[in-house]
């Protein structure tokens, strides 16, 4: 199981949820009525970029298709990134901690 925690740049927790492997992170956030900023949903604009604070190894950076833009090693695009199915199926609880960029919050 993967548990996602989204924080503001000041460390305040904004959202917390158990992840699934069928939806991108932004789709899961929207299902919880969280208004994550985005512009394109094609992995090319960087509006929905998040900093990965913990759990980078459980992320599938191309869940949204074959679209991919190169980001810094500690960043992902929530419009195309999701969680790997094998991480969801794990008996271990894995924490995926994400942080919004200062410019988005």
N, C-alpha and C. Protein backbone atom coordinates (compact mmCIF):
# COMPACT_ATOMS: atom_id res chain seq x y z
N UNK A 1 0.84 -1.18 0.00
CA UNK A 1 0.00 0.00 0.00
C UNK A 1 0.88 1.24 0.00
N UNK A 2 0.46 2.24 -0.76
CA UNK A 2 1.17 3.52 -0.79
C UNK A 2 0.25 4.59 -0.24
N UNK A 3 0.74 5.33 0.73
CA UNK A 3 -0.01 6.42 1.33
C UNK A 3 0.64 7.73 0.87
N UNK A 4 -0.14 8.59 0.22
CA UNK A 4 0.37 9.85 -0.31
C UNK A 4 0.07 10.98 0.67
N UNK A 5 1.07 11.80 0.90
CA UNK A 5 0.91 13.00 1.72
C UNK A 5 1.37 14.18 0.87
N UNK A 6 0.50 15.16 0.69
CA UNK A 6 0.83 16.37 -0.06
C UNK A 6 0.96 17.52 0.92
N UNK A 7 2.09 18.22 0.84
CA UNK A 7 2.34 19.32 1.75
C UNK A 7 2.58 20.62 0.99
N UNK A 8 2.29 21.71 1.67
CA UNK A 8 2.63 23.05 1.17
C UNK A 8 4.12 23.28 1.41
N UNK A 9 4.71 24.26 0.75
CA UNK A 9 6.13 24.55 0.96
C UNK A 9 6.49 24.85 2.42
N UNK A 10 5.52 25.33 3.20
CA UNK A 10 5.79 25.62 4.61
C UNK A 10 5.66 24.39 5.51
N UNK A 11 5.37 23.23 4.90
CA UNK A 11 5.27 21.99 5.65
C UNK A 11 3.87 21.61 6.08
N UNK A 12 2.91 22.50 5.88
CA UNK A 12 1.52 22.22 6.26
C UNK A 12 0.96 21.11 5.38
N UNK A 13 0.34 20.10 6.01
CA UNK A 13 -0.26 19.01 5.25
C UNK A 13 -1.54 19.49 4.59
N UNK A 14 -1.63 19.29 3.28
CA UNK A 14 -2.79 19.72 2.51
C UNK A 14 -3.75 18.58 2.20
N UNK A 15 -3.20 17.38 2.04
CA UNK A 15 -4.00 16.25 1.60
C UNK A 15 -3.26 14.97 1.96
N UNK A 16 -4.03 13.93 2.27
CA UNK A 16 -3.47 12.63 2.60
C UNK A 16 -4.44 11.57 2.11
N UNK A 17 -3.92 10.56 1.37
CA UNK A 17 -4.82 9.55 0.83
C UNK A 17 -4.06 8.28 0.45
N UNK A 18 -4.77 7.13 0.46
CA UNK A 18 -4.16 5.90 -0.05
C UNK A 18 -4.19 5.93 -1.58
N UNK A 19 -3.08 5.66 -2.22
CA UNK A 19 -2.97 5.76 -3.67
C UNK A 19 -3.52 4.52 -4.37
N UNK A 20 -3.88 4.70 -5.63
CA UNK A 20 -4.21 3.56 -6.48
C UNK A 20 -3.29 3.61 -7.70
N UNK A 21 -3.22 2.54 -8.45
CA UNK A 21 -2.31 2.46 -9.59
C UNK A 21 -3.01 2.71 -10.92
N UNK A 22 -4.31 2.99 -10.90
CA UNK A 22 -5.07 3.17 -12.13
C UNK A 22 -5.17 4.62 -12.57
N UNK A 23 -4.95 5.55 -11.67
CA UNK A 23 -5.11 6.96 -11.98
C UNK A 23 -3.81 7.73 -11.74
N UNK A 24 -3.67 8.83 -12.47
CA UNK A 24 -2.53 9.71 -12.19
C UNK A 24 -2.76 10.36 -10.83
N UNK A 25 -1.72 10.92 -10.28
CA UNK A 25 -1.84 11.56 -8.97
C UNK A 25 -2.84 12.71 -9.01
N UNK A 26 -2.82 13.50 -10.08
CA UNK A 26 -3.75 14.63 -10.15
C UNK A 26 -5.20 14.15 -10.22
N UNK A 27 -5.47 13.06 -10.89
CA UNK A 27 -6.83 12.51 -10.93
C UNK A 27 -7.28 12.07 -9.54
N UNK A 28 -6.37 11.46 -8.79
CA UNK A 28 -6.71 11.02 -7.44
C UNK A 28 -6.97 12.22 -6.53
N UNK A 29 -6.19 13.29 -6.70
CA UNK A 29 -6.39 14.51 -5.91
C UNK A 29 -7.74 15.14 -6.24
N UNK A 30 -8.09 15.16 -7.51
CA UNK A 30 -9.37 15.74 -7.92
C UNK A 30 -10.55 14.92 -7.36
N UNK A 31 -10.41 13.60 -7.31
CA UNK A 31 -11.46 12.76 -6.72
C UNK A 31 -11.72 13.13 -5.27
N UNK A 32 -10.71 13.70 -4.62
CA UNK A 32 -10.83 14.11 -3.22
C UNK A 32 -11.15 15.60 -3.11
N UNK A 33 -11.53 16.21 -4.23
CA UNK A 33 -11.92 17.63 -4.30
C UNK A 33 -10.76 18.58 -3.99
N UNK A 34 -9.53 18.14 -4.26
CA UNK A 34 -8.38 19.03 -4.09
C UNK A 34 -8.11 19.69 -5.44
N UNK A 35 -7.99 21.00 -5.44
CA UNK A 35 -7.81 21.77 -6.67
C UNK A 35 -6.32 21.94 -6.98
N UNK A 36 -5.73 20.90 -7.57
CA UNK A 36 -4.32 20.94 -7.96
C UNK A 36 -4.19 21.74 -9.25
N UNK A 37 -3.29 22.73 -9.28
CA UNK A 37 -3.14 23.51 -10.51
C UNK A 37 -2.59 22.67 -11.66
N UNK A 38 -3.10 22.93 -12.85
CA UNK A 38 -2.58 22.30 -14.06
C UNK A 38 -2.98 23.17 -15.25
N UNK A 39 -2.32 22.96 -16.36
CA UNK A 39 -2.66 23.68 -17.58
C UNK A 39 -2.88 22.75 -18.75
N UNK A 40 -2.03 21.73 -18.87
CA UNK A 40 -2.07 20.96 -20.11
C UNK A 40 -2.48 19.50 -19.97
N UNK A 41 -2.11 18.85 -18.88
CA UNK A 41 -2.33 17.43 -18.67
C UNK A 41 -1.65 16.57 -19.72
N UNK A 42 -0.59 17.10 -20.28
CA UNK A 42 0.16 16.36 -21.29
C UNK A 42 1.63 16.22 -20.92
N UNK A 43 1.99 16.61 -19.73
CA UNK A 43 3.37 16.45 -19.28
C UNK A 43 4.33 17.40 -19.94
N UNK A 44 3.88 18.59 -20.29
CA UNK A 44 4.80 19.50 -20.96
C UNK A 44 4.82 20.92 -20.41
N UNK A 45 3.96 21.26 -19.48
CA UNK A 45 3.91 22.66 -19.07
C UNK A 45 4.51 22.94 -17.69
N UNK A 46 4.64 21.95 -16.84
CA UNK A 46 5.23 22.06 -15.51
C UNK A 46 4.33 22.71 -14.45
N UNK A 47 3.10 23.06 -14.78
CA UNK A 47 2.22 23.71 -13.81
C UNK A 47 1.93 22.81 -12.61
N UNK A 48 1.81 21.50 -12.82
CA UNK A 48 1.43 20.58 -11.75
C UNK A 48 2.64 19.89 -11.12
N UNK A 49 3.80 20.46 -11.29
CA UNK A 49 5.04 19.86 -10.78
C UNK A 49 5.04 19.81 -9.25
N UNK A 50 5.48 18.67 -8.71
CA UNK A 50 5.60 18.48 -7.27
C UNK A 50 7.00 18.00 -6.93
N UNK A 51 7.48 18.36 -5.76
CA UNK A 51 8.76 17.89 -5.27
C UNK A 51 8.52 16.61 -4.48
N UNK A 52 9.30 15.57 -4.78
CA UNK A 52 9.18 14.31 -4.05
C UNK A 52 10.12 14.37 -2.85
N UNK A 53 9.54 14.34 -1.68
CA UNK A 53 10.32 14.38 -0.44
C UNK A 53 10.64 12.98 0.07
N UNK A 54 9.78 12.02 -0.26
CA UNK A 54 9.98 10.64 0.19
C UNK A 54 9.19 9.71 -0.73
N UNK A 55 9.79 8.59 -1.12
CA UNK A 55 9.09 7.56 -1.86
C UNK A 55 9.24 7.59 -3.37
N UNK A 56 10.26 8.23 -3.88
CA UNK A 56 10.46 8.37 -5.33
C UNK A 56 10.43 7.03 -6.06
N UNK A 57 10.89 5.97 -5.42
CA UNK A 57 10.98 4.66 -6.08
C UNK A 57 9.63 4.01 -6.36
N UNK A 58 8.54 4.52 -5.81
CA UNK A 58 7.22 3.93 -6.08
C UNK A 58 6.48 4.65 -7.20
N UNK A 59 7.07 5.67 -7.79
CA UNK A 59 6.41 6.49 -8.79
C UNK A 59 6.61 5.95 -10.20
N UNK A 60 5.51 5.90 -10.94
CA UNK A 60 5.52 5.61 -12.37
C UNK A 60 5.35 6.97 -13.05
N UNK A 61 6.44 7.48 -13.64
CA UNK A 61 6.40 8.84 -14.18
C UNK A 61 5.69 8.95 -15.52
N UNK A 62 5.24 7.84 -16.09
CA UNK A 62 4.57 7.89 -17.39
C UNK A 62 3.22 7.16 -17.36
N UNK A 63 2.55 7.15 -16.23
CA UNK A 63 1.24 6.50 -16.12
C UNK A 63 0.24 7.13 -17.10
N UNK A 64 0.37 8.41 -17.34
CA UNK A 64 -0.54 9.12 -18.22
C UNK A 64 -0.27 8.89 -19.69
N UNK A 65 0.53 7.91 -20.05
CA UNK A 65 0.84 7.61 -21.45
C UNK A 65 2.33 7.75 -21.72
N UNK A 66 2.68 7.89 -22.97
CA UNK A 66 4.10 7.95 -23.32
C UNK A 66 4.66 9.36 -23.25
N UNK A 67 3.85 10.29 -22.76
CA UNK A 67 4.31 11.67 -22.60
C UNK A 67 5.31 11.72 -21.46
N UNK A 68 6.33 12.52 -21.62
CA UNK A 68 7.31 12.66 -20.54
C UNK A 68 8.13 13.91 -20.78
N UNK A 69 8.27 14.70 -19.77
CA UNK A 69 9.17 15.85 -19.82
C UNK A 69 10.20 15.66 -18.73
N UNK A 70 11.40 15.98 -19.02
CA UNK A 70 12.48 15.82 -18.06
C UNK A 70 12.36 16.88 -16.97
N UNK A 71 12.32 16.43 -15.73
CA UNK A 71 12.26 17.34 -14.59
C UNK A 71 13.49 17.09 -13.73
N UNK A 72 13.68 17.92 -12.73
CA UNK A 72 14.76 17.66 -11.78
C UNK A 72 14.52 16.30 -11.14
N UNK A 73 15.59 15.68 -10.66
CA UNK A 73 15.49 14.33 -10.10
C UNK A 73 14.49 14.21 -8.96
N UNK A 74 14.26 15.29 -8.24
CA UNK A 74 13.36 15.22 -7.09
C UNK A 74 11.96 15.75 -7.41
N UNK A 75 11.62 15.89 -8.70
CA UNK A 75 10.33 16.43 -9.08
C UNK A 75 9.57 15.48 -10.00
N UNK A 76 8.24 15.58 -9.96
CA UNK A 76 7.38 14.81 -10.87
C UNK A 76 6.27 15.73 -11.37
N UNK A 77 5.64 15.31 -12.46
CA UNK A 77 4.46 16.01 -12.96
C UNK A 77 3.24 15.19 -12.58
N UNK A 78 2.39 15.74 -11.74
CA UNK A 78 1.25 14.97 -11.22
C UNK A 78 0.21 14.65 -12.29
N UNK A 79 0.26 15.34 -13.43
CA UNK A 79 -0.72 15.07 -14.49
C UNK A 79 -0.41 13.79 -15.26
N UNK A 80 0.83 13.32 -15.20
CA UNK A 80 1.18 12.09 -15.91
C UNK A 80 1.80 11.03 -15.01
N UNK A 81 2.12 11.39 -13.77
CA UNK A 81 2.74 10.43 -12.85
C UNK A 81 1.70 9.76 -11.97
N UNK A 82 1.99 8.53 -11.63
CA UNK A 82 1.14 7.77 -10.73
C UNK A 82 1.99 6.88 -9.86
N UNK A 83 1.38 5.87 -9.29
CA UNK A 83 2.08 4.94 -8.40
C UNK A 83 2.16 3.58 -9.07
N UNK A 84 3.32 2.94 -8.95
CA UNK A 84 3.54 1.62 -9.55
C UNK A 84 2.61 0.58 -8.92
N UNK A 85 2.01 -0.28 -9.74
CA UNK A 85 1.10 -1.31 -9.21
C UNK A 85 1.75 -2.21 -8.16
N UNK A 86 3.01 -2.56 -8.34
CA UNK A 86 3.66 -3.44 -7.36
C UNK A 86 3.82 -2.77 -6.00
N UNK A 87 3.90 -1.45 -5.98
CA UNK A 87 3.97 -0.74 -4.70
C UNK A 87 2.61 -0.77 -4.01
N UNK A 88 1.54 -0.64 -4.79
CA UNK A 88 0.19 -0.70 -4.23
C UNK A 88 -0.08 -2.09 -3.66
N UNK A 89 0.40 -3.11 -4.35
CA UNK A 89 0.16 -4.50 -3.93
C UNK A 89 1.02 -4.93 -2.75
N UNK A 90 2.00 -4.15 -2.40
CA UNK A 90 2.90 -4.50 -1.30
C UNK A 90 2.16 -4.60 0.03
N UNK A 91 2.59 -5.52 0.86
CA UNK A 91 2.03 -5.64 2.21
C UNK A 91 2.56 -4.53 3.12
N UNK A 92 3.63 -3.93 2.71
CA UNK A 92 4.25 -2.85 3.47
C UNK A 92 3.54 -1.53 3.15
N UNK A 93 3.37 -0.67 4.16
CA UNK A 93 2.83 0.66 3.92
C UNK A 93 3.98 1.58 3.56
N UNK A 94 3.91 2.15 2.38
CA UNK A 94 4.96 3.03 1.87
C UNK A 94 4.41 4.44 1.84
N UNK A 95 5.19 5.40 2.32
CA UNK A 95 4.76 6.79 2.31
C UNK A 95 5.37 7.50 1.10
N UNK A 96 4.52 8.14 0.32
CA UNK A 96 4.95 8.99 -0.78
C UNK A 96 4.64 10.42 -0.35
N UNK A 97 5.68 11.16 0.01
CA UNK A 97 5.49 12.53 0.48
C UNK A 97 5.85 13.50 -0.64
N UNK A 98 4.89 14.36 -0.97
CA UNK A 98 5.05 15.31 -2.06
C UNK A 98 4.89 16.73 -1.51
N UNK A 99 5.54 17.69 -2.18
CA UNK A 99 5.43 19.07 -1.75
C UNK A 99 5.18 19.95 -2.97
N UNK A 100 4.24 20.86 -2.82
CA UNK A 100 3.97 21.80 -3.90
C UNK A 100 5.13 22.78 -4.02
N UNK A 101 5.36 23.27 -5.22
CA UNK A 101 6.37 24.30 -5.43
C UNK A 101 5.88 25.63 -4.89
N UNK A 102 6.79 26.47 -4.45
CA UNK A 102 6.43 27.79 -3.92
C UNK A 102 5.56 28.58 -4.89
N UNK A 103 5.87 28.48 -6.18
CA UNK A 103 5.16 29.28 -7.16
C UNK A 103 3.71 28.80 -7.37
N UNK A 104 3.39 27.56 -6.97
CA UNK A 104 2.06 27.02 -7.16
C UNK A 104 1.15 27.25 -5.97
N UNK A 105 1.73 27.46 -4.82
CA UNK A 105 0.94 27.50 -3.61
C UNK A 105 0.63 28.93 -3.18
